Amino acid sequence: MASIYISEYQNMPKIDGRVVPIGEEPSIVDQKKTVAGTSALSDAFNAVTHFVRIHSDATCSIVFSADDTAATTSHKRMVADATEYFGVRPGDKVAFISNT
């Protein structure tokens, strides 16, 4: 069964005064959810979360929103084993669904 891994971050670290585009460890919260053929939702992001790192075992589509928006295969697509960072709003969620 495929999984999606969501790590939440408040800040990006600075090295020599320059922001590095990665999450500052340790993450605030880590979520692991199952990716399937029907839309599913993450938990709401923490009140101080501003960035998330998402990794999925399977190709999927994702969408970020403040409500319970369902993901469809026409939303943003991530290929299997991809890892991406996104800026988000505290309290939002990510919905996801498997895609080809």
PDB file of N, CA and C in Angstrom:
ATOM      1  N   MET A   1       0.838  -1.175   0.000  1.00  0.00           N
ATOM      2  CA  MET A   1       0.000   0.000   0.000  1.00  0.00           C
ATOM      3  C   MET A   1       0.891   1.249   0.000  1.00  0.00           C
ATOM      4  N   ALA A   2       0.581   2.196  -0.860  1.00  0.00           N
ATOM      5  CA  ALA A   2       1.405   3.405  -0.991  1.00  0.00           C
ATOM      6  C   ALA A   2       1.112   4.398   0.133  1.00  0.00           C
ATOM      7  N   SER A   3       2.133   5.153   0.471  1.00  0.00           N
ATOM      8  CA  SER A   3       2.003   6.150   1.542  1.00  0.00           C
ATOM      9  C   SER A   3       2.492   7.504   1.074  1.00  0.00           C
ATOM     10  N   ILE A   4       1.969   8.548   1.737  1.00  0.00           N
ATOM     11  CA  ILE A   4       2.457   9.909   1.554  1.00  0.00           C
ATOM     12  C   ILE A   4       2.977  10.367   2.917  1.00  0.00           C
ATOM     13  N   TYR A   5       4.132  10.996   2.913  1.00  0.00           N
ATOM     14  CA  TYR A   5       4.793  11.446   4.139  1.00  0.00           C
ATOM     15  C   TYR A   5       4.823  12.967   4.138  1.00  0.00           C
ATOM     16  N   ILE A   6       4.321  13.572   5.192  1.00  0.00           N
ATOM     17  CA  ILE A   6       4.209  15.024   5.281  1.00  0.00           C
ATOM     18  C   ILE A   6       4.968  15.480   6.527  1.00  0.00           C
ATOM     19  N   SER A   7       5.988  16.302   6.337  1.00  0.00           N
ATOM     20  CA  SER A   7       6.734  16.876   7.465  1.00  0.00           C
ATOM     21  C   SER A   7       6.471  18.364   7.484  1.00  0.00           C
ATOM     22  N   GLU A   8       6.144  18.888   8.658  1.00  0.00           N
ATOM     23  CA  GLU A   8       5.800  20.301   8.806  1.00  0.00           C
ATOM     24  C   GLU A   8       6.950  21.072   9.435  1.00  0.00           C
ATOM     25  N   TYR A   9       7.178  22.280   8.912  1.00  0.00           N
ATOM     26  CA  TYR A   9       8.274  23.131   9.391  1.00  0.00           C
ATOM     27  C   TYR A   9       7.806  24.562   9.595  1.00  0.00           C
ATOM     28  N   GLN A  10       8.407  25.228  10.575  1.00  0.00           N
ATOM     29  CA  GLN A  10       8.126  26.640  10.808  1.00  0.00           C
ATOM     30  C   GLN A  10       9.075  27.515  10.006  1.00  0.00           C
ATOM     31  N   ASN A  11      10.339  27.121   9.936  1.00  0.00           N
ATOM     32  CA  ASN A  11      11.368  27.963   9.323  1.00  0.00           C
ATOM     33  C   ASN A  11      12.230  27.196   8.335  1.00  0.00           C
ATOM     34  N   MET A  12      12.913  27.959   7.500  1.00  0.00           N
ATOM     35  CA  MET A  12      13.995  27.430   6.676  1.00  0.00           C
ATOM     36  C   MET A  12      15.284  27.942   7.312  1.00  0.00           C
ATOM     37  N   PRO A  13      16.304  27.112   7.392  1.00  0.00           N
ATOM     38  CA  PRO A  13      17.533  27.540   8.045  1.00  0.00           C
ATOM     39  C   PRO A  13      18.305  28.581   7.228  1.00  0.00           C
ATOM     40  N   LYS A  14      19.171  29.303   7.924  1.00  0.00           N
ATOM     41  CA  LYS A  14      20.056  30.274   7.264  1.00  0.00           C
ATOM     42  C   LYS A  14      21.496  29.824   7.457  1.00  0.00           C
ATOM     43  N   ILE A  15      22.264  29.942   6.396  1.00  0.00           N
ATOM     44  CA  ILE A  15      23.694  29.675   6.450  1.00  0.00           C
ATOM     45  C   ILE A  15      24.390  30.906   5.892  1.00  0.00           C
ATOM     46  N   ASP A  16      25.273  31.504   6.665  1.00  0.00           N
ATOM     47  CA  ASP A  16      25.955  32.741   6.274  1.00  0.00           C
ATOM     48  C   ASP A  16      24.954  33.813   5.853  1.00  0.00           C
ATOM     49  N   GLY A  17      23.822  33.886   6.565  1.00  0.00           N
ATOM     50  CA  GLY A  17      22.816  34.907   6.302  1.00  0.00           C
ATOM     51  C   GLY A  17      21.912  34.627   5.119  1.00  0.00           C
ATOM     52  N   ARG A  18      22.082  33.503   4.464  1.00  0.00           N
ATOM     53  CA  ARG A  18      21.260  33.158   3.295  1.00  0.00           C
ATOM     54  C   ARG A  18      20.310  32.020   3.643  1.00  0.00           C
ATOM     55  N   VAL A  19      19.065  32.168   3.219  1.00  0.00           N
ATOM     56  CA  VAL A  19      18.069  31.137   3.473  1.00  0.00           C
ATOM     57  C   VAL A  19      18.346  29.924   2.590  1.00  0.00           C
ATOM     58  N   VAL A  20      18.318  28.759   3.195  1.00  0.00           N
ATOM     59  CA  VAL A  20      18.509  27.498   2.481  1.00  0.00           C
ATOM     60  C   VAL A  20      17.120  26.886   2.278  1.00  0.00           C
ATOM     61  N   PRO A  21      16.737  26.550   1.048  1.00  0.00           N
ATOM     62  CA  PRO A  21      15.360  26.081   0.784  1.00  0.00           C
ATOM     63  C   PRO A  21      15.087  24.637   1.208  1.00  0.00           C
ATOM     64  N   ILE A  22      15.228  24.392   2.511  1.00  0.00           N
ATOM     65  CA  ILE A  22      14.904  23.102   3.112  1.00  0.00           C
ATOM     66  C   ILE A  22      14.273  23.380   4.468  1.00  0.00           C
ATOM     67  N   GLY A  23      13.610  22.418   5.023  1.00  0.00           N
ATOM     68  CA  GLY A  23      13.015  22.604   6.340  1.00  0.00           C
ATOM     69  C   GLY A  23      14.057  22.554   7.441  1.00  0.00           C
ATOM     70  N   GLU A  24      13.861  23.375   8.449  1.00  0.00           N
ATOM     71  CA  GLU A  24      14.774  23.385   9.597  1.00  0.00           C
ATOM     72  C   GLU A  24      14.363  22.275  10.559  1.00  0.00           C
ATOM     73  N   GLU A  25      15.251  21.319  10.748  1.00  0.00           N
ATOM     74  CA  GLU A  25      14.976  20.174  11.622  1.00  0.00           C
ATOM     75  C   GLU A  25      15.166  20.546  13.082  1.00  0.00           C
ATOM     76  N   PRO A  26      14.471  19.904  13.982  1.00  0.00           N
ATOM     77  CA  PRO A  26      13.523  18.831  13.717  1.00  0.00           C
ATOM     78  C   PRO A  26      12.197  19.388  13.201  1.00  0.00           C
ATOM     79  N   SER A  27      11.475  18.564  12.475  1.00  0.00           N
ATOM     80  CA  SER A  27      10.165  18.975  11.983  1.00  0.00           C
ATOM     81  C   SER A  27       9.225  19.154  13.171  1.00  0.00           C
ATOM     82  N   ILE A  28       8.186  19.954  12.972  1.00  0.00           N
ATOM     83  CA  ILE A  28       7.196  20.194  14.033  1.00  0.00           C
ATOM     84  C   ILE A  28       6.318  18.956  14.199  1.00  0.00           C
ATOM     85  N   VAL A  29       5.840  18.450  13.070  1.00  0.00           N
ATOM     86  CA  VAL A  29       4.933  17.298  13.046  1.00  0.00           C
ATOM     87  C   VAL A  29       5.272  16.467  11.816  1.00  0.00           C
ATOM     88  N   ASP A  30       5.167  15.153  11.933  1.00  0.00           N
ATOM     89  CA  ASP A  30       5.289  14.251  10.792  1.00  0.00           C
ATOM     90  C   ASP A  30       3.999  13.451  10.689  1.00  0.00           C
ATOM     91  N   GLN A  31       3.459  13.413   9.466  1.00  0.00           N
ATOM     92  CA  GLN A  31       2.247  12.636   9.213  1.00  0.00           C
ATOM     93  C   GLN A  31       2.553  11.579   8.152  1.00  0.00           C
ATOM     94  N   LYS A  32       1.927  10.425   8.274  1.00  0.00           N
ATOM     95  CA  LYS A  32       2.004   9.385   7.254  1.00  0.00           C
ATOM     96  C   LYS A  32       0.578   8.965   6.956  1.00  0.00           C
ATOM     97  N   LYS A  33       0.198   9.057   5.681  1.00  0.00           N
ATOM     98  CA  LYS A  33      -1.168   8.734   5.260  1.00  0.00           C
ATOM     99  C   LYS A  33      -1.115   7.758   4.092  1.00  0.00           C
ATOM    100  N   THR A  34      -2.189   7.027   3.894  1.00  0.00           N
ATOM    101  CA  THR A  34      -2.291   6.073   2.799  1.00  0.00           C
ATOM    102  C   THR A  34      -2.821   6.759   1.545  1.00  0.00           C
ATOM    103  N   VAL A  35      -2.154   6.508   0.416  1.00  0.00           N
ATOM    104  CA  VAL A  35      -2.583   7.043  -0.878  1.00  0.00           C
ATOM    105  C   VAL A  35      -3.389   5.952  -1.582  1.00  0.00           C
ATOM    106  N   ALA A  36      -4.610   6.307  -2.011  1.00  0.00           N
ATOM    107  CA  ALA A  36      -5.476   5.338  -2.682  1.00  0.00           C
ATOM    108  C   ALA A  36      -6.229   6.021  -3.819  1.00  0.00           C
ATOM    109  N   GLY A  37      -7.176   5.303  -4.394  1.00  0.00           N
ATOM    110  CA  GLY A  37      -7.943   5.803  -5.536  1.00  0.00           C
ATOM    111  C   GLY A  37      -9.062   6.756  -5.177  1.00  0.00           C
ATOM    112  N   THR A  38      -9.239   7.032  -3.885  1.00  0.00           N
ATOM    113  CA  THR A  38     -10.208   8.041  -3.458  1.00  0.00           C
ATOM    114  C   THR A  38      -9.453   9.116  -2.686  1.00  0.00           C
ATOM    115  N   SER A  39      -9.967  10.323  -2.737  1.00  0.00           N
ATOM    116  CA  SER A  39      -9.298  11.447  -2.087  1.00  0.00           C
ATOM    117  C   SER A  39      -9.245  11.253  -0.575  1.00  0.00           C
ATOM    118  N   ALA A  40      -8.131  11.609   0.015  1.00  0.00           N
ATOM    119  CA  ALA A  40      -7.950  11.567   1.464  1.00  0.00           C
ATOM    120  C   ALA A  40      -7.305  12.873   1.899  1.00  0.00           C
ATOM    121  N   LEU A  41      -7.400  13.195   3.185  1.00  0.00           N
ATOM    122  CA  LEU A  41      -6.889  14.457   3.731  1.00  0.00           C
ATOM    123  C   LEU A  41      -5.836  14.230   4.796  1.00  0.00           C
ATOM    124  N   SER A  42      -4.895  15.160   4.852  1.00  0.00           N
ATOM    125  CA  SER A  42      -3.970  15.191   5.977  1.00  0.00           C
ATOM    126  C   SER A  42      -4.698  15.780   7.174  1.00  0.00           C
ATOM    127  N   ASP A  43      -4.038  15.742   8.311  1.00  0.00           N
ATOM    128  CA  ASP A  43      -4.518  16.493   9.461  1.00  0.00           C
ATOM    129  C   ASP A  43      -4.251  17.971   9.176  1.00  0.00           C
ATOM    130  N   ALA A  44      -4.955  18.860   9.860  1.00  0.00           N
ATOM    131  CA  ALA A  44      -4.704  20.290   9.705  1.00  0.00           C
ATOM    132  C   ALA A  44      -3.274  20.596  10.148  1.00  0.00           C
ATOM    133  N   PHE A  45      -2.608  21.497   9.420  1.00  0.00           N
ATOM    134  CA  PHE A  45      -1.234  21.862   9.757  1.00  0.00           C
ATOM    135  C   PHE A  45      -1.200  22.623  11.077  1.00  0.00           C
ATOM    136  N   ASN A  46      -0.111  22.471  11.797  1.00  0.00           N
ATOM    137  CA  ASN A  46       0.119  23.121  13.076  1.00  0.00           C
ATOM    138  C   ASN A  46       0.006  24.640  12.949  1.00  0.00           C
ATOM    139  N   ALA A  47      -0.287  25.309  14.042  1.00  0.00           N
ATOM    140  CA  ALA A  47      -0.475  26.764  14.056  1.00  0.00           C
ATOM    141  C   ALA A  47       0.776  27.544  13.672  1.00  0.00           C
ATOM    142  N   VAL A  48       1.962  26.921  13.743  1.00  0.00           N
ATOM    143  CA  VAL A  48       3.196  27.613  13.369  1.00  0.00           C
ATOM    144  C   VAL A  48       3.828  27.046  12.098  1.00  0.00           C
ATOM    145  N   THR A  49       3.136  26.147  11.420  1.00  0.00           N
ATOM    146  CA  THR A  49       3.668  25.543  10.192  1.00  0.00           C
ATOM    147  C   THR A  49       3.577  26.519   9.028  1.00  0.00           C
ATOM    148  N   HIS A  50       4.706  26.712   8.320  1.00  0.00           N
ATOM    149  CA  HIS A  50       4.744  27.577   7.137  1.00  0.00           C
ATOM    150  C   HIS A  50       5.266  26.856   5.897  1.00  0.00           C
ATOM    151  N   PHE A  51       5.893  25.698   6.103  1.00  0.00           N
ATOM    152  CA  PHE A  51       6.455  24.916   5.000  1.00  0.00           C
ATOM    153  C   PHE A  51       6.184  23.447   5.260  1.00  0.00           C
ATOM    154  N   VAL A  52       5.957  22.684   4.202  1.00  0.00           N
ATOM    155  CA  VAL A  52       5.850  21.237   4.342  1.00  0.00           C
ATOM    156  C   VAL A  52       6.758  20.561   3.331  1.00  0.00           C
ATOM    157  N   ARG A  53       7.240  19.403   3.719  1.00  0.00           N
ATOM    158  CA  ARG A  53       7.992  18.522   2.825  1.00  0.00           C
ATOM    159  C   ARG A  53       7.076  17.344   2.565  1.00  0.00           C
ATOM    160  N   ILE A  54       6.825  17.050   1.293  1.00  0.00           N
ATOM    161  CA  ILE A  54       5.949  15.938   0.944  1.00  0.00           C
ATOM    162  C   ILE A  54       6.721  14.939   0.107  1.00  0.00           C
ATOM    163  N   HIS A  55       6.614  13.677   0.507  1.00  0.00           N
ATOM    164  CA  HIS A  55       7.202  12.571  -0.253  1.00  0.00           C
ATOM    165  C   HIS A  55       6.115  11.517  -0.403  1.00  0.00           C
ATOM    166  N   SER A  56       5.969  10.982  -1.620  1.00  0.00           N
ATOM    167  CA  SER A  56       4.970   9.954  -1.867  1.00  0.00           C
ATOM    168  C   SER A  56       5.616   8.732  -2.505  1.00  0.00           C
ATOM    169  N   ASP A  57       5.202   7.554  -2.051  1.00  0.00           N
ATOM    170  CA  ASP A  57       5.677   6.296  -2.639  1.00  0.00           C
ATOM    171  C   ASP A  57       5.102   6.071  -4.036  1.00  0.00           C
ATOM    172  N   ALA A  58       3.950   6.684  -4.301  1.00  0.00           N
ATOM    173  CA  ALA A  58       3.236   6.447  -5.558  1.00  0.00           C
ATOM    174  C   ALA A  58       2.947   7.768  -6.255  1.00  0.00           C
ATOM    175  N   THR A  59       2.735   7.708  -7.558  1.00  0.00           N
ATOM    176  CA  THR A  59       2.324   8.903  -8.285  1.00  0.00           C
ATOM    177  C   THR A  59       0.947   9.315  -7.767  1.00  0.00           C
ATOM    178  N   CYS A  60       0.807  10.603  -7.451  1.00  0.00           N
ATOM    179  CA  CYS A  60      -0.452  11.090  -6.891  1.00  0.00           C
ATOM    180  C   CYS A  60      -0.678  12.547  -7.300  1.00  0.00           C
ATOM    181  N   SER A  61      -1.881  13.016  -7.073  1.00  0.00           N
ATOM    182  CA  SER A  61      -2.209  14.431  -7.254  1.00  0.00           C
ATOM    183  C   SER A  61      -2.511  14.999  -5.881  1.00  0.00           C
ATOM    184  N   ILE A  62      -2.139  16.277  -5.666  1.00  0.00           N
ATOM    185  CA  ILE A  62      -2.357  16.919  -4.367  1.00  0.00           C
ATOM    186  C   ILE A  62      -2.955  18.299  -4.561  1.00  0.00           C
ATOM    187  N   VAL A  63      -3.657  18.762  -3.533  1.00  0.00           N
ATOM    188  CA  VAL A  63      -4.193  20.123  -3.518  1.00  0.00           C
ATOM    189  C   VAL A  63      -4.211  20.597  -2.063  1.00  0.00           C
ATOM    190  N   PHE A  64      -3.824  21.849  -1.847  1.00  0.00           N
ATOM    191  CA  PHE A  64      -3.814  22.451  -0.516  1.00  0.00           C
ATOM    192  C   PHE A  64      -5.035  23.346  -0.372  1.00  0.00           C
ATOM    193  N   SER A  65      -5.676  23.313   0.810  1.00  0.00           N
ATOM    194  CA  SER A  65      -6.807  24.210   1.050  1.00  0.00           C
ATOM    195  C   SER A  65      -7.096  24.297   2.543  1.00  0.00           C
ATOM    196  N   ALA A  66      -7.905  25.289   2.907  1.00  0.00           N
ATOM    197  CA  ALA A  66      -8.283  25.482   4.298  1.00  0.00           C
ATOM    198  C   ALA A  66      -9.473  24.596   4.674  1.00  0.00           C
ATOM    199  N   ASP A  67     -10.213  24.131   3.671  1.00  0.00           N
ATOM    200  CA  ASP A  67     -11.374  23.288   3.956  1.00  0.00           C
ATOM    201  C   ASP A  67     -11.086  21.842   3.557  1.00  0.00           C
ATOM    202  N   ASP A  68     -12.117  21.071   3.422  1.00  0.00           N
ATOM    203  CA  ASP A  68     -11.951  19.653   3.099  1.00  0.00           C
ATOM    204  C   ASP A  68     -12.080  19.397   1.599  1.00  0.00           C
ATOM    205  N   THR A  69     -11.407  20.208   0.791  1.00  0.00           N
ATOM    206  CA  THR A  69     -11.430  20.053  -0.657  1.00  0.00           C
ATOM    207  C   THR A  69     -10.904  18.673  -1.040  1.00  0.00           C
ATOM    208  N   ALA A  70     -11.620  17.991  -1.923  1.00  0.00           N
ATOM    209  CA  ALA A  70     -11.186  16.677  -2.391  1.00  0.00           C
ATOM    210  C   ALA A  70     -10.182  16.844  -3.527  1.00  0.00           C
ATOM    211  N   ALA A  71      -9.152  16.024  -3.523  1.00  0.00           N
ATOM    212  CA  ALA A  71      -8.179  16.018  -4.613  1.00  0.00           C
ATOM    213  C   ALA A  71      -8.762  15.249  -5.799  1.00  0.00           C
ATOM    214  N   THR A  72      -8.425  15.712  -7.000  1.00  0.00           N
ATOM    215  CA  THR A  72      -8.778  14.993  -8.222  1.00  0.00           C
ATOM    216  C   THR A  72      -7.501  14.778  -9.017  1.00  0.00           C
ATOM    217  N   THR A  73      -7.570  13.932 -10.004  1.00  0.00           N
ATOM    218  CA  THR A  73      -6.383  13.652 -10.806  1.00  0.00           C
ATOM    219  C   THR A  73      -5.998  14.822 -11.703  1.00  0.00           C
ATOM    220  N   SER A  74      -6.792  15.897 -11.719  1.00  0.00           N
ATOM    221  CA  SER A  74      -6.398  17.079 -12.483  1.00  0.00           C
ATOM    222  C   SER A  74      -5.665  18.105 -11.613  1.00  0.00           C
ATOM    223  N   HIS A  75      -5.502  17.828 -10.317  1.00  0.00           N
ATOM    224  CA  HIS A  75      -4.712  18.709  -9.450  1.00  0.00           C
ATOM    225  C   HIS A  75      -3.219  18.445  -9.651  1.00  0.00           C
ATOM    226  N   LYS A  76      -2.413  19.235  -8.980  1.00  0.00           N
ATOM    227  CA  LYS A  76      -0.944  19.151  -9.051  1.00  0.00           C
ATOM    228  C   LYS A  76      -0.483  17.703  -8.913  1.00  0.00           C
ATOM    229  N   ARG A  77       0.358  17.251  -9.841  1.00  0.00           N
ATOM    230  CA  ARG A  77       0.791  15.850  -9.887  1.00  0.00           C
ATOM    231  C   ARG A  77       2.212  15.704  -9.353  1.00  0.00           C
ATOM    232  N   MET A  78       2.410  14.683  -8.533  1.00  0.00           N
ATOM    233  CA  MET A  78       3.742  14.306  -8.053  1.00  0.00           C
ATOM    234  C   MET A  78       4.024  12.892  -8.524  1.00  0.00           C
ATOM    235  N   VAL A  79       5.210  12.674  -9.073  1.00  0.00           N
ATOM    236  CA  VAL A  79       5.571  11.323  -9.508  1.00  0.00           C
ATOM    237  C   VAL A  79       6.009  10.491  -8.307  1.00  0.00           C
ATOM    238  N   ALA A  80       5.967   9.185  -8.469  1.00  0.00           N
ATOM    239  CA  ALA A  80       6.364   8.273  -7.397  1.00  0.00           C
ATOM    240  C   ALA A  80       7.796   8.568  -6.955  1.00  0.00           C
ATOM    241  N   ASP A  81       8.012   8.511  -5.671  1.00  0.00           N
ATOM    242  CA  ASP A  81       9.312   8.706  -5.035  1.00  0.00           C
ATOM    243  C   ASP A  81       9.865  10.120  -5.182  1.00  0.00           C
ATOM    244  N   ALA A  82       8.990  11.082  -5.468  1.00  0.00           N
ATOM    245  CA  ALA A  82       9.399  12.489  -5.527  1.00  0.00           C
ATOM    246  C   ALA A  82       9.271  13.102  -4.131  1.00  0.00           C
ATOM    247  N   THR A  83      10.123  14.096  -3.869  1.00  0.00           N
ATOM    248  CA  THR A  83      10.056  14.853  -2.626  1.00  0.00           C
ATOM    249  C   THR A  83      10.033  16.326  -2.996  1.00  0.00           C
ATOM    250  N   GLU A  84       9.057  17.063  -2.464  1.00  0.00           N
ATOM    251  CA  GLU A  84       8.942  18.488  -2.764  1.00  0.00           C
ATOM    252  C   GLU A  84       8.608  19.261  -1.501  1.00  0.00           C
ATOM    253  N   TYR A  85       9.009  20.534  -1.497  1.00  0.00           N
ATOM    254  CA  TYR A  85       8.680  21.459  -0.414  1.00  0.00           C
ATOM    255  C   TYR A  85       7.647  22.454  -0.913  1.00  0.00           C
ATOM    256  N   PHE A  86       6.708  22.828  -0.031  1.00  0.00           N
ATOM    257  CA  PHE A  86       5.675  23.796  -0.376  1.00  0.00           C
ATOM    258  C   PHE A  86       5.489  24.765   0.784  1.00  0.00           C
ATOM    259  N   GLY A  87       5.252  26.030   0.468  1.00  0.00           N
ATOM    260  CA  GLY A  87       4.848  27.004   1.472  1.00  0.00           C
ATOM    261  C   GLY A  87       3.359  26.823   1.710  1.00  0.00           C
ATOM    262  N   VAL A  88       2.937  26.811   2.973  1.00  0.00           N
ATOM    263  CA  VAL A  88       1.527  26.597   3.311  1.00  0.00           C
ATOM    264  C   VAL A  88       1.088  27.571   4.391  1.00  0.00           C
ATOM    265  N   ARG A  89      -0.204  27.607   4.626  1.00  0.00           N
ATOM    266  CA  ARG A  89      -0.766  28.418   5.705  1.00  0.00           C
ATOM    267  C   ARG A  89      -1.082  27.523   6.897  1.00  0.00           C
ATOM    268  N   PRO A  90      -0.818  28.000   8.114  1.00  0.00           N
ATOM    269  CA  PRO A  90      -1.189  27.222   9.296  1.00  0.00           C
ATOM    270  C   PRO A  90      -2.678  26.873   9.244  1.00  0.00           C
ATOM    271  N   GLY A  91      -3.018  25.663   9.649  1.00  0.00           N
ATOM    272  CA  GLY A  91      -4.409  25.227   9.679  1.00  0.00           C
ATOM    273  C   GLY A  91      -4.907  24.613   8.379  1.00  0.00           C
ATOM    274  N   ASP A  92      -4.200  24.849   7.269  1.00  0.00           N
ATOM    275  CA  ASP A  92      -4.601  24.233   6.007  1.00  0.00           C
ATOM    276  C   ASP A  92      -4.366  22.731   6.054  1.00  0.00           C
ATOM    277  N   LYS A  93      -4.844  22.047   5.027  1.00  0.00           N
ATOM    278  CA  LYS A  93      -4.654  20.606   4.873  1.00  0.00           C
ATOM    279  C   LYS A  93      -4.198  20.342   3.448  1.00  0.00           C
ATOM    280  N   VAL A  94      -3.690  19.140   3.206  1.00  0.00           N
ATOM    281  CA  VAL A  94      -3.402  18.708   1.849  1.00  0.00           C
ATOM    282  C   VAL A  94      -4.275  17.480   1.575  1.00  0.00           C
ATOM    283  N   ALA A  95      -4.951  17.511   0.423  1.00  0.00           N
ATOM    284  CA  ALA A  95      -5.727  16.352  -0.020  1.00  0.00           C
ATOM    285  C   ALA A  95      -4.912  15.660  -1.108  1.00  0.00           C
ATOM    286  N   PHE A  96      -5.043  14.348  -1.213  1.00  0.00           N
ATOM    287  CA  PHE A  96      -4.253  13.592  -2.173  1.00  0.00           C
ATOM    288  C   PHE A  96      -5.045  12.405  -2.689  1.00  0.00           C
ATOM    289  N   ILE A  97      -4.699  11.986  -3.916  1.00  0.00           N
ATOM    290  CA  ILE A  97      -5.355  10.852  -4.560  1.00  0.00           C
ATOM    291  C   ILE A  97      -4.341  10.217  -5.505  1.00  0.00           C
ATOM    292  N   SER A  98      -4.386   8.903  -5.673  1.00  0.00           N
ATOM    293  CA  SER A  98      -3.455   8.261  -6.588  1.00  0.00           C
ATOM    294  C   SER A  98      -3.746   8.692  -8.020  1.00  0.00           C
ATOM    295  N   ASN A  99      -2.712   8.702  -8.845  1.00  0.00           N
ATOM    296  CA  ASN A  99      -2.796   9.143 -10.235  1.00  0.00           C
ATOM    297  C   ASN A  99      -1.854   8.253 -11.059  1.00  0.00           C
ATOM    298  N   THR A 100      -1.939   8.348 -12.352  1.00  0.00           N
ATOM    299  CA  THR A 100      -1.048   7.553 -13.213  1.00  0.00           C
ATOM    300  C   THR A 100       0.001   8.424 -13.855  1.00  0.00           C
TER     301      THR A 100
END
